C-alpha atoms as a PDB file:
ATOM      1  CA  MET A   1     -17.332   8.126  -5.802  1.00  0.00           C
ATOM      2  CA  LYS A   2     -16.638   4.963  -4.346  1.00  0.00           C
ATOM      3  CA  LYS A   3     -15.327   4.872  -0.708  1.00  0.00           C
ATOM      4  CA  PHE A   4     -12.592   2.381  -1.582  1.00  0.00           C
ATOM      5  CA  ILE A   5      -9.127   1.982  -0.479  1.00  0.00           C
ATOM      6  CA  ARG A   6      -6.988   1.009  -3.506  1.00  0.00           C
ATOM      7  CA  ILE A   7      -3.610  -1.189  -2.932  1.00  0.00           C
ATOM      8  CA  ILE A   8      -0.772  -1.021  -5.346  1.00  0.00           C
ATOM      9  CA  PRO A   9       0.988  -4.010  -4.538  1.00  0.00           C
ATOM     10  CA  PHE A  10       3.101  -3.597  -7.474  1.00  0.00           C
ATOM     11  CA  ALA A  11       4.366  -1.050  -9.445  1.00  0.00           C
ATOM     12  CA  ILE A  12       6.761  -2.335 -12.119  1.00  0.00           C
ATOM     13  CA  LEU A  13       8.699  -2.083 -15.591  1.00  0.00           C
ATOM     14  CA  SER A  14       6.400  -3.944 -17.942  1.00  0.00           C
ATOM     15  CA  LEU A  15       8.763  -5.350 -20.354  1.00  0.00           C
ATOM     16  CA  VAL A  16       7.778  -4.852 -24.470  1.00  0.00           C
ATOM     17  CA  PRO A  17       9.312  -7.092 -26.964  1.00  0.00           C
ATOM     18  CA  THR A  18      11.029  -3.620 -28.481  1.00  0.00           C
ATOM     19  CA  ALA A  19      12.865  -3.738 -24.647  1.00  0.00           C
ATOM     20  CA  ILE A  20      10.974  -0.506 -25.065  1.00  0.00           C
ATOM     21  CA  LEU A  21       9.811   0.057 -20.836  1.00  0.00           C
ATOM     22  CA  SER A  22       6.470   1.100 -19.462  1.00  0.00           C
ATOM     23  CA  ALA A  23       5.687   1.225 -15.688  1.00  0.00           C
ATOM     24  CA  HIS A  24       2.783  -0.305 -14.828  1.00  0.00           C
ATOM     25  CA  ALA A  25       1.420  -0.824 -11.275  1.00  0.00           C
ATOM     26  CA  LEU A  26      -1.023  -3.842  -9.424  1.00  0.00           C
ATOM     27  CA  PHE A  27      -3.831  -2.654  -7.277  1.00  0.00           C
ATOM     28  CA  VAL A  28      -5.644  -3.786  -5.043  1.00  0.00           C
ATOM     29  CA  GLU A  29      -8.868  -1.834  -3.743  1.00  0.00           C
ATOM     30  CA  THR A  30     -11.233  -2.754  -0.715  1.00  0.00           C
ATOM     31  CA  ASN A  31     -13.402  -0.069   1.494  1.00  0.00           C
ATOM     32  CA  PRO A  32     -10.982   0.952   4.278  1.00  0.00           C
ATOM     33  CA  THR A  33     -13.843   0.506   6.245  1.00  0.00           C
ATOM     34  CA  GLY A  34     -15.349  -2.635   7.377  1.00  0.00           C
ATOM     35  CA  LYS A  35     -18.141  -4.504   9.346  1.00  0.00           C
ATOM     36  CA  SER A  36     -18.099  -7.973  11.364  1.00  0.00           C
ATOM     37  CA  GLY A  37     -19.776 -10.368   9.907  1.00  0.00           C
ATOM     38  CA  VAL A  38     -20.343  -8.154   6.582  1.00  0.00           C
ATOM     39  CA  LEU A  39     -18.849  -9.228   3.316  1.00  0.00           C
ATOM     40  CA  GLN A  40     -15.547  -7.395   2.079  1.00  0.00           C
ATOM     41  CA  GLU A  41     -14.722  -7.049  -1.360  1.00  0.00           C
ATOM     42  CA  VAL A  42     -11.478  -6.984  -2.970  1.00  0.00           C
ATOM     43  CA  THR A  43     -10.555  -6.112  -6.378  1.00  0.00           C
ATOM     44  CA  ILE A  44      -6.933  -6.958  -7.696  1.00  0.00           C
ATOM     45  CA  TYR A  45      -5.813  -5.217 -11.615  1.00  0.00           C
ATOM     46  CA  TYR A  46      -2.590  -4.495 -13.672  1.00  0.00           C
ATOM     47  CA  ALA A  47      -2.824  -0.870 -14.582  1.00  0.00           C
ATOM     48  CA  GLU A  48      -0.586   2.202 -15.007  1.00  0.00           C
ATOM     49  CA  PRO A  49      -0.859   4.679 -11.849  1.00  0.00           C
ATOM     50  CA  HIS A  50      -1.338   8.114 -14.256  1.00  0.00           C
ATOM     51  CA  ASP A  51      -4.503   6.852 -15.107  1.00  0.00           C
ATOM     52  CA  GLY A  52      -5.423   3.324 -13.748  1.00  0.00           C
ATOM     53  CA  VAL A  53      -6.839   1.610 -17.238  1.00  0.00           C
ATOM     54  CA  LYS A  54      -7.088  -2.154 -16.567  1.00  0.00           C
ATOM     55  CA  GLU A  55      -4.803  -4.320 -18.671  1.00  0.00           C
ATOM     56  CA  ALA A  56      -6.605  -7.965 -19.512  1.00  0.00           C
ATOM     57  CA  VAL A  57      -5.528 -10.384 -17.194  1.00  0.00           C
ATOM     58  CA  SER A  58      -3.600 -12.304 -20.414  1.00  0.00           C
ATOM     59  CA  ASP A  59      -1.251  -9.514 -20.706  1.00  0.00           C
ATOM     60  CA  TRP A  60      -0.059  -9.175 -17.139  1.00  0.00           C
ATOM     61  CA  TRP A  61       3.627  -9.180 -17.336  1.00  0.00           C
ATOM     62  CA  ALA A  62       5.635 -12.452 -16.196  1.00  0.00           C
ATOM     63  CA  ASP A  63       3.963 -14.143 -14.073  1.00  0.00           C
ATOM     64  CA  ILE A  64       2.250 -10.851 -12.055  1.00  0.00           C
ATOM     65  CA  SER A  65      -1.136 -13.490 -11.905  1.00  0.00           C
ATOM     66  CA  ASP A  66       0.524 -15.791  -9.647  1.00  0.00           C
ATOM     67  CA  PHE A  67       0.744 -13.312  -7.170  1.00  0.00           C
ATOM     68  CA  THR A  68      -1.047 -14.166  -3.076  1.00  0.00           C
ATOM     69  CA  LEU A  69      -2.990 -11.981  -1.128  1.00  0.00           C
ATOM     70  CA  TRP A  70      -3.040 -12.362   2.391  1.00  0.00           C
ATOM     71  CA  LEU A  71      -5.279 -11.407   4.907  1.00  0.00           C
ATOM     72  CA  HIS A  72      -3.376 -10.640   8.567  1.00  0.00           C
ATOM     73  CA  HIS A  73      -6.041 -10.598  11.039  1.00  0.00           C
ATOM     74  CA  PRO A  74      -5.941  -8.771  14.786  1.00  0.00           C
ATOM     75  CA  ASP A  75      -5.481 -11.759  16.611  1.00  0.00           C
ATOM     76  CA  GLY A  76      -1.889 -11.905  14.649  1.00  0.00           C
ATOM     77  CA  SER A  77      -2.706 -15.195  12.756  1.00  0.00           C
ATOM     78  CA  LYS A  78      -3.167 -15.070   8.571  1.00  0.00           C
ATOM     79  CA  GLN A  79      -4.630 -16.617   5.647  1.00  0.00           C
ATOM     80  CA  ALA A  80      -4.034 -16.481   1.744  1.00  0.00           C
ATOM     81  CA  LEU A  81      -7.155 -15.396   0.311  1.00  0.00           C
ATOM     82  CA  ASN A  82      -8.667 -17.115  -3.279  1.00  0.00           C
ATOM     83  CA  THR A  83      -8.630 -14.908  -5.946  1.00  0.00           C
ATOM     84  CA  THR A  84     -10.635 -14.853  -9.242  1.00  0.00           C
ATOM     85  CA  PRO A  85      -9.662 -14.051 -12.546  1.00  0.00           C
ATOM     86  CA  GLU A  86     -12.216 -11.817 -14.572  1.00  0.00           C
ATOM     87  CA  ASN A  87     -10.957 -10.488 -17.971  1.00  0.00           C
ATOM     88  CA  ASN A  88      -9.521  -7.222 -16.379  1.00  0.00           C
ATOM     89  CA  HIS A  89      -8.867  -7.868 -12.594  1.00  0.00           C
ATOM     90  CA  PHE A  90      -9.145 -10.535 -10.002  1.00  0.00           C
ATOM     91  CA  LYS A  91     -11.848 -10.646  -7.057  1.00  0.00           C
ATOM     92  CA  ALA A  92     -11.708 -11.741  -3.591  1.00  0.00           C
ATOM     93  CA  ILE A  93     -13.533 -12.010  -0.927  1.00  0.00           C
ATOM     94  CA  PHE A  94     -13.443 -12.631   3.371  1.00  0.00           C
ATOM     95  CA  THR A  95     -15.684 -11.481   5.979  1.00  0.00           C
ATOM     96  CA  PRO A  96     -14.367  -9.444   9.109  1.00  0.00           C
ATOM     97  CA  ASP A  97     -15.245 -11.627  12.452  1.00  0.00           C
ATOM     98  CA  GLN A  98     -13.985  -9.671  15.094  1.00  0.00           C
ATOM     99  CA  ASN A  99     -13.131  -6.072  15.369  1.00  0.00           C
ATOM    100  CA  GLY A 100      -9.690  -4.326  15.113  1.00  0.00           C
ATOM    101  CA  VAL A 101      -7.808  -3.836  11.947  1.00  0.00           C
ATOM    102  CA  TYR A 102      -6.760  -6.153   8.884  1.00  0.00           C
ATOM    103  CA  THR A 103      -4.607  -5.663   6.922  1.00  0.00           C
ATOM    104  CA  LEU A 104      -3.599  -7.308   2.982  1.00  0.00           C
ATOM    105  CA  THR A 105      -0.254  -7.459   1.990  1.00  0.00           C
ATOM    106  CA  VAL A 106       1.257  -8.799  -1.026  1.00  0.00           C
ATOM    107  CA  SER A 107       4.819  -9.383  -1.912  1.00  0.00           C
ATOM    108  CA  HIS A 108       5.460 -11.010  -5.039  1.00  0.00           C
ATOM    109  CA  THR A 109       9.560 -12.073  -6.266  1.00  0.00           C
ATOM    110  CA  VAL A 110       8.767 -12.077 -10.223  1.00  0.00           C
ATOM    111  CA  ASN A 111      10.104 -14.936 -12.235  1.00  0.00           C
ATOM    112  CA  GLN A 112      11.688 -13.351 -14.654  1.00  0.00           C
ATOM    113  CA  LEU A 113      14.956 -10.548 -14.240  1.00  0.00           C
ATOM    114  CA  ALA A 114      14.938  -7.096 -16.139  1.00  0.00           C
ATOM    115  CA  GLY A 115      18.103  -7.201 -17.733  1.00  0.00           C
ATOM    116  CA  THR A 116      20.914  -7.940 -14.255  1.00  0.00           C
ATOM    117  CA  THR A 117      17.216  -6.337 -11.938  1.00  0.00           C
ATOM    118  CA  GLN A 118      15.207  -8.822  -9.887  1.00  0.00           C
ATOM    119  CA  TYR A 119      12.117  -7.127  -8.913  1.00  0.00           C
ATOM    120  CA  VAL A 120      10.148  -7.823  -5.653  1.00  0.00           C
ATOM    121  CA  PHE A 121       6.651  -5.886  -5.389  1.00  0.00           C
ATOM    122  CA  SER A 122       5.009  -5.105  -2.085  1.00  0.00           C
ATOM    123  CA  ALA A 123       2.538  -3.756  -1.008  1.00  0.00           C
ATOM    124  CA  SER A 124      -0.373  -3.367   1.696  1.00  0.00           C
ATOM    125  CA  ALA A 125      -3.391  -1.771   2.714  1.00  0.00           C
ATOM    126  CA  GLN A 126      -5.684  -1.821   6.374  1.00  0.00           C
ATOM    127  CA  VAL A 127      -9.360  -2.270   7.190  1.00  0.00           C
ATOM    128  CA  PHE A 128     -10.912  -0.728  10.348  1.00  0.00           C
ATOM    129  CA  VAL A 129     -13.312  -2.758  11.997  1.00  0.00           C
ATOM    130  CA  GLY A 130     -15.088  -1.779  14.516  1.00  0.00           C
ATOM    131  CA  LYS A 131     -14.607   0.292  17.306  1.00  0.00           C
ATOM    132  CA  HIS A 132     -10.577  -1.296  18.246  1.00  0.00           C
ATOM    133  CA  GLY A 133     -10.331  -0.688  14.207  1.00  0.00           C
ATOM    134  CA  ASN A 134     -10.316   2.848  15.519  1.00  0.00           C
ATOM    135  CA  ARG A 135      -6.510   3.325  16.759  1.00  0.00           C
ATOM    136  CA  LYS A 136      -4.225   6.216  15.090  1.00  0.00           C
ATOM    137  CA  THR A 137      -1.065   4.247  14.910  1.00  0.00           C
ATOM    138  CA  VAL A 138      -0.834   0.569  13.613  1.00  0.00           C
ATOM    139  CA  GLU A 139       2.295  -0.833  13.459  1.00  0.00           C
ATOM    140  CA  PRO A 140       3.801  -3.074  10.364  1.00  0.00           C
ATOM    141  CA  VAL A 141       2.901  -6.901  10.574  1.00  0.00           C
ATOM    142  CA  SER A 142       4.735  -7.486   7.549  1.00  0.00           C
ATOM    143  CA  ALA A 143       8.527  -6.591   7.020  1.00  0.00           C
ATOM    144  CA  ASN A 144       7.342  -5.952   3.586  1.00  0.00           C
ATOM    145  CA  GLN A 145       4.816  -2.857   4.486  1.00  0.00           C
ATOM    146  CA  LEU A 146       7.755   0.550   4.250  1.00  0.00           C
ATOM    147  CA  VAL A 147       4.706   3.025   4.564  1.00  0.00           C
ATOM    148  CA  LEU A 148       2.178   3.462   6.393  1.00  0.00           C
ATOM    149  CA  ALA A 149      -0.567   6.339   7.380  1.00  0.00           C
ATOM    150  CA  LYS A 150      -1.878   7.371  10.726  1.00  0.00           C
ATOM    151  CA  ASN A 151      -5.620   7.334  10.502  1.00  0.00           C
ATOM    152  CA  PRO A 152      -5.605   5.940   6.982  1.00  0.00           C
ATOM    153  CA  HIS A 153      -9.523   5.467   7.520  1.00  0.00           C
ATOM    154  CA  LYS A 154     -10.258   9.240   8.486  1.00  0.00           C
ATOM    155  CA  LEU A 155      -8.391  11.228   5.772  1.00  0.00           C
ATOM    156  CA  LYS A 156      -9.971  14.858   4.571  1.00  0.00           C
ATOM    157  CA  LYS A 157      -9.095  17.145   1.905  1.00  0.00           C
ATOM    158  CA  ASN A 158      -6.705  20.267   3.606  1.00  0.00           C
ATOM    159  CA  LYS A 159      -6.026  17.980   6.697  1.00  0.00           C
ATOM    160  CA  GLU A 160      -2.028  16.854   7.137  1.00  0.00           C
ATOM    161  CA  VAL A 161      -1.426  13.382   6.838  1.00  0.00           C
ATOM    162  CA  THR A 162       1.460  11.529   8.583  1.00  0.00           C
ATOM    163  CA  LEU A 163       3.512   8.906   6.936  1.00  0.00           C
ATOM    164  CA  THR A 164       5.596   6.905   8.480  1.00  0.00           C
ATOM    165  CA  SER A 165       8.722   4.967   6.464  1.00  0.00           C
ATOM    166  CA  TYR A 166       9.744   1.485   7.804  1.00  0.00           C
ATOM    167  CA  GLU A 167      12.876  -0.871   7.465  1.00  0.00           C
ATOM    168  CA  ASN A 168      11.984  -4.265   8.809  1.00  0.00           C
ATOM    169  CA  LYS A 169       9.074  -2.699  10.663  1.00  0.00           C
ATOM    170  CA  VAL A 170      11.650   0.204  12.492  1.00  0.00           C
ATOM    171  CA  PRO A 171      10.755   3.754  11.343  1.00  0.00           C
ATOM    172  CA  LEU A 172      13.529   4.739   9.023  1.00  0.00           C
ATOM    173  CA  ALA A 173      14.810   7.965   9.053  1.00  0.00           C
ATOM    174  CA  GLU A 174      15.824   9.764   5.522  1.00  0.00           C
ATOM    175  CA  SER A 175      13.712   7.942   3.592  1.00  0.00           C
ATOM    176  CA  SER A 176      12.032   8.858   0.232  1.00  0.00           C
ATOM    177  CA  PHE A 177       9.424   7.803  -1.489  1.00  0.00           C
ATOM    178  CA  SER A 178       6.769   9.117  -4.520  1.00  0.00           C
ATOM    179  CA  ILE A 179       3.133  10.512  -3.809  1.00  0.00           C
ATOM    180  CA  TYR A 180       1.118  10.777  -6.618  1.00  0.00           C
ATOM    181  CA  ALA A 181      -2.388  13.349  -5.876  1.00  0.00           C
ATOM    182  CA  PRO A 182      -6.052  12.245  -8.560  1.00  0.00           C
ATOM    183  CA  GLU A 183      -4.925  15.968 -10.495  1.00  0.00           C
ATOM    184  CA  GLY A 184      -1.041  14.643 -11.352  1.00  0.00           C
ATOM    185  CA  TRP A 185       0.482  16.618  -8.747  1.00  0.00           C
ATOM    186  CA  GLN A 186       3.501  14.316  -8.004  1.00  0.00           C
ATOM    187  CA  LYS A 187       5.612  15.010  -4.980  1.00  0.00           C
ATOM    188  CA  THR A 188       8.853  13.184  -3.660  1.00  0.00           C
ATOM    189  CA  VAL A 189       9.008  13.412   0.144  1.00  0.00           C
ATOM    190  CA  GLN A 190      11.942  12.869   2.547  1.00  0.00           C
ATOM    191  CA  THR A 191      11.174  11.221   6.145  1.00  0.00           C
ATOM    192  CA  LYS A 192      12.647  13.251   9.441  1.00  0.00           C
ATOM    193  CA  SER A 193      14.692  11.810  12.097  1.00  0.00           C
ATOM    194  CA  HIS A 194      11.940   9.899  13.960  1.00  0.00           C
ATOM    195  CA  GLY A 195      10.810   8.382  10.315  1.00  0.00           C
ATOM    196  CA  THR A 196       8.348  10.249   9.295  1.00  0.00           C
ATOM    197  CA  THR A 197       6.950  13.196   7.519  1.00  0.00           C
ATOM    198  CA  SER A 198       3.572  14.676   6.497  1.00  0.00           C
ATOM    199  CA  PHE A 199       1.448  16.602   3.738  1.00  0.00           C
ATOM    200  CA  VAL A 200      -1.625  17.848   2.939  1.00  0.00           C
ATOM    201  CA  PRO A 201      -3.706  16.755   0.085  1.00  0.00           C
ATOM    202  CA  GLU A 202      -5.846  19.225  -1.572  1.00  0.00           C
ATOM    203  CA  TRP A 203      -8.316  17.285  -3.552  1.00  0.00           C
ATOM    204  CA  LYS A 204     -10.529  14.310  -2.938  1.00  0.00           C
ATOM    205  CA  GLY A 205      -9.907  11.001  -3.987  1.00  0.00           C
ATOM    206  CA  ASN A 206      -7.214   8.620  -4.146  1.00  0.00           C
ATOM    207  CA  TYR A 207      -3.622   9.349  -3.440  1.00  0.00           C
ATOM    208  CA  TYR A 208      -0.833   6.784  -4.078  1.00  0.00           C
ATOM    209  CA  ILE A 209       2.419   6.113  -2.248  1.00  0.00           C
ATOM    210  CA  GLU A 210       5.273   4.500  -3.640  1.00  0.00           C
ATOM    211  CA  ARG A 211       8.746   3.512  -2.146  1.00  0.00           C
ATOM    212  CA  ILE A 212      11.696   2.108  -4.361  1.00  0.00           C
ATOM    213  CA  GLN A 213      14.378   0.045  -2.624  1.00  0.00           C
ATOM    214  CA  LYS A 214      17.679  -0.654  -4.430  1.00  0.00           C
ATOM    215  CA  GLU A 215      20.515  -2.984  -3.401  1.00  0.00           C
ATOM    216  CA  GLU A 216      22.804  -4.381  -4.796  1.00  0.00           C
ATOM    217  CA  VAL A 217      24.058  -8.424  -4.544  1.00  0.00           C
ATOM    218  CA  GLN A 218      26.782 -10.662  -5.343  1.00  0.00           C
ATOM    219  CA  GLY A 219      26.402 -14.634  -5.934  1.00  0.00           C
ATOM    220  CA  GLN A 220      23.209 -14.289  -7.455  1.00  0.00           C
ATOM    221  CA  SER A 221      22.237 -14.375 -11.225  1.00  0.00           C
ATOM    222  CA  TYR A 222      20.989 -10.918 -10.903  1.00  0.00           C
ATOM    223  CA  GLU A 223      23.705  -8.043 -10.016  1.00  0.00           C
ATOM    224  CA  GLU A 224      20.597  -5.507  -7.916  1.00  0.00           C
ATOM    225  CA  LEU A 225      17.649  -6.428  -6.097  1.00  0.00           C
ATOM    226  CA  VAL A 226      14.424  -3.860  -6.382  1.00  0.00           C
ATOM    227  CA  GLN A 227      11.614  -3.799  -4.089  1.00  0.00           C
ATOM    228  CA  ILE A 228       9.047  -1.412  -4.778  1.00  0.00           C
ATOM    229  CA  TYR A 229       6.558  -1.075  -2.158  1.00  0.00           C
ATOM    230  CA  THR A 230       3.312   0.801  -2.625  1.00  0.00           C
ATOM    231  CA  THR A 231      -0.461   1.296  -1.333  1.00  0.00           C
ATOM    232  CA  ALA A 232      -3.049   4.508  -1.557  1.00  0.00           C
ATOM    233  CA  LEU A 233      -4.892   6.411   0.666  1.00  0.00           C
ATOM    234  CA  VAL A 234      -8.569   7.851  -0.031  1.00  0.00           C
ATOM    235  CA  VAL A 235      -8.494  11.362   1.047  1.00  0.00           C
ATOM    236  CA  ARG A 236     -12.944  12.353   1.354  1.00  0.00           C
END
């Protein structure tokens, strides 16, 4: 198995002509551990979380394929990465040039409403480079990062994983989100008073984290704003 971390920038409700909704997600994959001066590859694709079957780029809902992938450097600077479309995915590359934690983020407001709902899809993933990338806890670099894991590049089977939920970069108590395991196991967890919760992964592989934040709005062309944040963890 390749040791890849899989981000899920967009978990969306995909509209079809029959008005039936089917759940999809936009995934981003990259190695969670990088090296300074060594090319880092990123793959972005659209699929359903439970099976990971990649959908043709031409079939992606609305303007999802117009997403922007941001790279946040350890020194605080950021840049938009060029993405190249393939048959059923996009590709991007970057080369780390310093030690520390690089963060990939996406936050995309879809240009098409789903009924009276406006969706904003966001996600993040971290790449740890060199000795300064060995920090156990890394704070959010974007307000759109809603859940982060402690030591995401060092997760082991049957070892407790600690997760922190955030709102505007501040730990959020009593926040609920879902965890999807490789063997079809799914669980909804809630953070404690200090914004953290934990679980023990029983299998190796990719674990998907999804948090949905809803807000009723007035004075807009829509009645509800829904932000869906996703990320993924690799357990070895």
